[in-house]
Every structure is written in C-alpha cells, then in structure tokens.
Amino acid sequence: MSIIDVFTFLVIVVVCSSIAQAIFDFRGGGLVFSIILGVIGAAVGIMIARTLALPDMFTVQVGETHIPILWSIMGSGIFAIILSFVLKRA
C-alpha cells in the first residue's frame, strides 16, 4: 500500500466510524478515537460477516484491499455499543 492508499483507507474508516457513532448515538473522543474505533469496528464487522457467510455490500477498493462499507459501519456501531456499556459501568 502506498501512502495515498493508507490515507484513503483512514478517511474511509473515519467516515464509517462517524456514521456509526451518529446512528448509535455514541459520543467518543476526537479524530484518533474515530480512527481506532473505525479500524477495530471494520475488523469486527468483517469478521461477523464472514462468520455468518453474508455477502460484502457496498465495497470500496483501496489499492488491492476491498473495504465493505456496510459491515464496517455495523462493526463500528457494535464496538461503540460495547464501549459505551464498559465506560458507563466503570
């Protein structure tokens, strides 16, 4: 991956994370938090989709990597919900 591919990937991850935070009404930190939430959420969403044998929907290709947008948003939302439960109980 080139530097431009990495930057494009991070922009897509931040957008997916921001959409998930807006949908699930989660107030997180700043840009770095959105990047971390998006990367972990994308991994969680893709893992769930692969486990349940669900098709990749709304994919974006960055370099040679395909990013399923829908599963990235859903994974970020699931991870945000888990974080909100953990942070409220602590």
N, C-alpha and C. Protein backbone atom coordinates (compact mmCIF):
# COMPACT_ATOMS: atom_id res chain seq x y z
N MET A 1 0.84 -1.19 0.00
CA MET A 1 0.00 0.00 0.00
C MET A 1 0.88 1.24 0.00
N SER A 2 0.49 2.19 -0.81
CA SER A 2 1.22 3.45 -0.84
C SER A 2 0.69 4.38 0.25
N ILE A 3 1.33 5.49 0.42
CA ILE A 3 0.91 6.47 1.42
C ILE A 3 -0.48 7.01 1.09
N ILE A 4 -0.75 7.20 -0.17
CA ILE A 4 -2.08 7.69 -0.57
C ILE A 4 -3.15 6.65 -0.26
N ASP A 5 -2.84 5.36 -0.47
CA ASP A 5 -3.79 4.30 -0.14
C ASP A 5 -4.07 4.26 1.36
N VAL A 6 -3.03 4.41 2.17
CA VAL A 6 -3.21 4.41 3.62
C VAL A 6 -4.06 5.61 4.05
N PHE A 7 -3.78 6.78 3.48
CA PHE A 7 -4.57 7.97 3.81
C PHE A 7 -6.02 7.80 3.40
N THR A 8 -6.25 7.24 2.20
CA THR A 8 -7.62 7.00 1.73
C THR A 8 -8.33 6.00 2.64
N PHE A 9 -7.63 4.95 3.04
CA PHE A 9 -8.19 3.96 3.96
C PHE A 9 -8.59 4.62 5.28
N LEU A 10 -7.73 5.47 5.83
CA LEU A 10 -8.04 6.14 7.09
C LEU A 10 -9.23 7.09 6.95
N VAL A 11 -9.35 7.76 5.83
CA VAL A 11 -10.51 8.64 5.60
C VAL A 11 -11.80 7.83 5.55
N ILE A 12 -11.77 6.70 4.86
CA ILE A 12 -12.95 5.84 4.78
C ILE A 12 -13.31 5.30 6.15
N VAL A 13 -12.30 4.91 6.92
CA VAL A 13 -12.53 4.38 8.27
C VAL A 13 -13.14 5.44 9.17
N VAL A 14 -12.65 6.67 9.09
CA VAL A 14 -13.19 7.75 9.92
C VAL A 14 -14.63 8.07 9.53
N VAL A 15 -14.93 8.05 8.25
CA VAL A 15 -16.31 8.32 7.80
C VAL A 15 -17.24 7.21 8.29
N CYS A 16 -16.83 5.94 8.15
CA CYS A 16 -17.65 4.83 8.63
C CYS A 16 -17.85 4.91 10.14
N SER A 17 -16.79 5.24 10.86
CA SER A 17 -16.88 5.36 12.31
C SER A 17 -17.80 6.50 12.71
N SER A 18 -17.71 7.61 12.01
CA SER A 18 -18.56 8.76 12.32
C SER A 18 -20.04 8.46 12.06
N ILE A 19 -20.30 7.75 10.98
CA ILE A 19 -21.68 7.35 10.68
C ILE A 19 -22.21 6.43 11.77
N ALA A 20 -21.38 5.47 12.19
CA ALA A 20 -21.80 4.54 13.25
C ALA A 20 -22.02 5.28 14.56
N GLN A 21 -21.16 6.23 14.89
CA GLN A 21 -21.34 7.00 16.12
C GLN A 21 -22.62 7.82 16.06
N ALA A 22 -22.95 8.35 14.90
CA ALA A 22 -24.19 9.12 14.76
C ALA A 22 -25.42 8.23 14.85
N ILE A 23 -25.38 7.07 14.22
CA ILE A 23 -26.52 6.16 14.24
C ILE A 23 -26.78 5.63 15.64
N PHE A 24 -25.72 5.21 16.31
CA PHE A 24 -25.86 4.59 17.62
C PHE A 24 -25.72 5.57 18.77
N ASP A 25 -25.68 6.87 18.47
CA ASP A 25 -25.65 7.94 19.46
C ASP A 25 -24.55 7.73 20.50
N PHE A 26 -23.33 7.58 20.00
CA PHE A 26 -22.17 7.38 20.87
C PHE A 26 -21.29 8.60 20.78
N ARG A 27 -20.97 9.18 21.91
CA ARG A 27 -20.10 10.35 21.94
C ARG A 27 -18.71 9.89 22.36
N GLY A 28 -17.81 9.88 21.42
CA GLY A 28 -16.45 9.42 21.70
C GLY A 28 -15.49 10.59 21.75
N GLY A 29 -14.23 10.27 21.56
CA GLY A 29 -13.18 11.27 21.57
C GLY A 29 -13.08 11.98 20.24
N GLY A 30 -11.89 12.30 19.84
CA GLY A 30 -11.65 13.05 18.63
C GLY A 30 -11.33 12.17 17.44
N LEU A 31 -10.43 12.68 16.62
CA LEU A 31 -10.07 12.02 15.37
C LEU A 31 -9.36 10.70 15.61
N VAL A 32 -8.43 10.68 16.53
CA VAL A 32 -7.68 9.44 16.81
C VAL A 32 -8.62 8.36 17.33
N PHE A 33 -9.57 8.75 18.19
CA PHE A 33 -10.55 7.78 18.69
C PHE A 33 -11.40 7.24 17.55
N SER A 34 -11.80 8.11 16.62
CA SER A 34 -12.60 7.66 15.48
C SER A 34 -11.82 6.70 14.60
N ILE A 35 -10.53 6.96 14.42
CA ILE A 35 -9.71 6.05 13.62
C ILE A 35 -9.61 4.69 14.30
N ILE A 36 -9.36 4.68 15.60
CA ILE A 36 -9.25 3.41 16.33
C ILE A 36 -10.57 2.67 16.32
N LEU A 37 -11.66 3.39 16.59
CA LEU A 37 -12.99 2.78 16.58
C LEU A 37 -13.32 2.23 15.19
N GLY A 38 -12.96 2.97 14.15
CA GLY A 38 -13.25 2.53 12.79
C GLY A 38 -12.45 1.31 12.38
N VAL A 39 -11.17 1.27 12.73
CA VAL A 39 -10.34 0.12 12.35
C VAL A 39 -10.80 -1.14 13.09
N ILE A 40 -11.01 -1.02 14.40
CA ILE A 40 -11.48 -2.18 15.17
C ILE A 40 -12.88 -2.57 14.73
N GLY A 41 -13.73 -1.58 14.51
CA GLY A 41 -15.09 -1.85 14.06
C GLY A 41 -15.14 -2.51 12.70
N ALA A 42 -14.27 -2.08 11.79
CA ALA A 42 -14.22 -2.71 10.47
C ALA A 42 -13.79 -4.18 10.60
N ALA A 43 -12.82 -4.43 11.45
CA ALA A 43 -12.38 -5.81 11.66
C ALA A 43 -13.50 -6.65 12.26
N VAL A 44 -14.21 -6.09 13.24
CA VAL A 44 -15.32 -6.82 13.87
C VAL A 44 -16.44 -7.07 12.86
N GLY A 45 -16.80 -6.05 12.11
CA GLY A 45 -17.87 -6.20 11.12
C GLY A 45 -17.54 -7.21 10.04
N ILE A 46 -16.31 -7.17 9.55
CA ILE A 46 -15.90 -8.13 8.52
C ILE A 46 -15.86 -9.54 9.09
N MET A 47 -15.39 -9.68 10.33
CA MET A 47 -15.33 -11.00 10.96
C MET A 47 -16.75 -11.58 11.13
N ILE A 48 -17.70 -10.75 11.57
CA ILE A 48 -19.07 -11.22 11.73
C ILE A 48 -19.68 -11.60 10.38
N ALA A 49 -19.45 -10.76 9.37
CA ALA A 49 -20.00 -11.05 8.04
C ALA A 49 -19.42 -12.34 7.47
N ARG A 50 -18.13 -12.55 7.66
CA ARG A 50 -17.50 -13.79 7.15
C ARG A 50 -18.00 -15.01 7.92
N THR A 51 -18.16 -14.87 9.23
CA THR A 51 -18.64 -15.99 10.05
C THR A 51 -20.05 -16.40 9.67
N LEU A 52 -20.91 -15.42 9.40
CA LEU A 52 -22.29 -15.71 9.04
C LEU A 52 -22.48 -15.91 7.54
N ALA A 53 -21.40 -15.89 6.78
CA ALA A 53 -21.41 -16.07 5.32
C ALA A 53 -22.32 -15.05 4.63
N LEU A 54 -22.23 -13.80 5.07
CA LEU A 54 -23.01 -12.72 4.47
C LEU A 54 -22.21 -12.09 3.33
N PRO A 55 -22.89 -11.61 2.30
CA PRO A 55 -22.16 -11.03 1.16
C PRO A 55 -21.58 -9.66 1.52
N ASP A 56 -20.50 -9.31 0.85
CA ASP A 56 -19.93 -7.98 1.01
C ASP A 56 -20.81 -6.98 0.28
N MET A 57 -21.24 -5.97 1.00
CA MET A 57 -22.14 -4.98 0.40
C MET A 57 -21.48 -3.62 0.43
N PHE A 58 -21.63 -2.89 -0.66
CA PHE A 58 -21.08 -1.54 -0.81
C PHE A 58 -19.58 -1.52 -0.54
N THR A 59 -18.83 -2.26 -1.33
CA THR A 59 -17.39 -2.31 -1.13
C THR A 59 -16.70 -1.18 -1.87
N VAL A 60 -15.60 -0.73 -1.29
CA VAL A 60 -14.74 0.27 -1.90
C VAL A 60 -13.36 -0.35 -2.00
N GLN A 61 -12.72 -0.20 -3.16
CA GLN A 61 -11.40 -0.77 -3.33
C GLN A 61 -10.35 0.32 -3.15
N VAL A 62 -9.43 0.07 -2.22
CA VAL A 62 -8.31 0.97 -1.98
C VAL A 62 -7.05 0.16 -2.23
N GLY A 63 -6.36 0.47 -3.31
CA GLY A 63 -5.21 -0.34 -3.70
C GLY A 63 -5.71 -1.72 -4.08
N GLU A 64 -5.22 -2.73 -3.39
CA GLU A 64 -5.69 -4.10 -3.63
C GLU A 64 -6.64 -4.57 -2.54
N THR A 65 -6.96 -3.70 -1.59
CA THR A 65 -7.81 -4.05 -0.46
C THR A 65 -9.24 -3.62 -0.73
N HIS A 66 -10.19 -4.51 -0.46
CA HIS A 66 -11.61 -4.20 -0.57
C HIS A 66 -12.16 -3.92 0.83
N ILE A 67 -12.85 -2.80 0.98
CA ILE A 67 -13.42 -2.42 2.27
C ILE A 67 -14.94 -2.46 2.16
N PRO A 68 -15.58 -3.40 2.86
CA PRO A 68 -17.05 -3.43 2.85
C PRO A 68 -17.60 -2.34 3.77
N ILE A 69 -18.19 -1.33 3.19
CA ILE A 69 -18.63 -0.15 3.94
C ILE A 69 -19.73 -0.51 4.94
N LEU A 70 -20.73 -1.26 4.52
CA LEU A 70 -21.85 -1.59 5.40
C LEU A 70 -21.38 -2.35 6.63
N TRP A 71 -20.52 -3.35 6.45
CA TRP A 71 -20.06 -4.14 7.58
C TRP A 71 -19.10 -3.34 8.46
N SER A 72 -18.39 -2.40 7.88
CA SER A 72 -17.52 -1.54 8.68
C SER A 72 -18.34 -0.62 9.58
N ILE A 73 -19.44 -0.10 9.06
CA ILE A 73 -20.32 0.75 9.86
C ILE A 73 -20.98 -0.07 10.97
N MET A 74 -21.48 -1.26 10.61
CA MET A 74 -22.13 -2.10 11.61
C MET A 74 -21.14 -2.56 12.69
N GLY A 75 -19.93 -2.93 12.29
CA GLY A 75 -18.92 -3.34 13.27
C GLY A 75 -18.52 -2.19 14.18
N SER A 76 -18.39 -0.99 13.63
CA SER A 76 -18.08 0.18 14.45
C SER A 76 -19.20 0.48 15.43
N GLY A 77 -20.43 0.30 14.98
CA GLY A 77 -21.58 0.51 15.87
C GLY A 77 -21.61 -0.50 17.00
N ILE A 78 -21.36 -1.75 16.67
CA ILE A 78 -21.34 -2.80 17.70
C ILE A 78 -20.23 -2.52 18.71
N PHE A 79 -19.06 -2.15 18.20
CA PHE A 79 -17.95 -1.86 19.09
C PHE A 79 -18.23 -0.61 19.94
N ALA A 80 -18.91 0.39 19.36
CA ALA A 80 -19.27 1.60 20.12
C ALA A 80 -20.27 1.26 21.22
N ILE A 81 -21.22 0.39 20.95
CA ILE A 81 -22.18 -0.02 21.97
C ILE A 81 -21.47 -0.74 23.11
N ILE A 82 -20.56 -1.64 22.77
CA ILE A 82 -19.80 -2.35 23.80
C ILE A 82 -18.98 -1.36 24.63
N LEU A 83 -18.34 -0.41 23.98
CA LEU A 83 -17.57 0.59 24.70
C LEU A 83 -18.43 1.45 25.61
N SER A 84 -19.62 1.80 25.15
CA SER A 84 -20.49 2.63 25.99
C SER A 84 -20.93 1.88 27.25
N PHE A 85 -21.19 0.58 27.14
CA PHE A 85 -21.53 -0.21 28.33
C PHE A 85 -20.35 -0.30 29.28
N VAL A 86 -19.17 -0.54 28.73
CA VAL A 86 -17.97 -0.66 29.58
C VAL A 86 -17.63 0.66 30.25
N LEU A 87 -17.71 1.76 29.52
CA LEU A 87 -17.34 3.06 30.09
C LEU A 87 -18.36 3.59 31.08
N LYS A 88 -19.63 3.25 30.92
CA LYS A 88 -20.65 3.71 31.85
C LYS A 88 -20.60 2.94 33.17
N ARG A 89 -20.16 1.69 33.11
CA ARG A 89 -20.11 0.87 34.33
C ARG A 89 -18.84 1.11 35.13
N ALA A 90 -17.83 1.65 34.48
CA ALA A 90 -16.54 1.87 35.17
C ALA A 90 -16.59 3.08 36.06
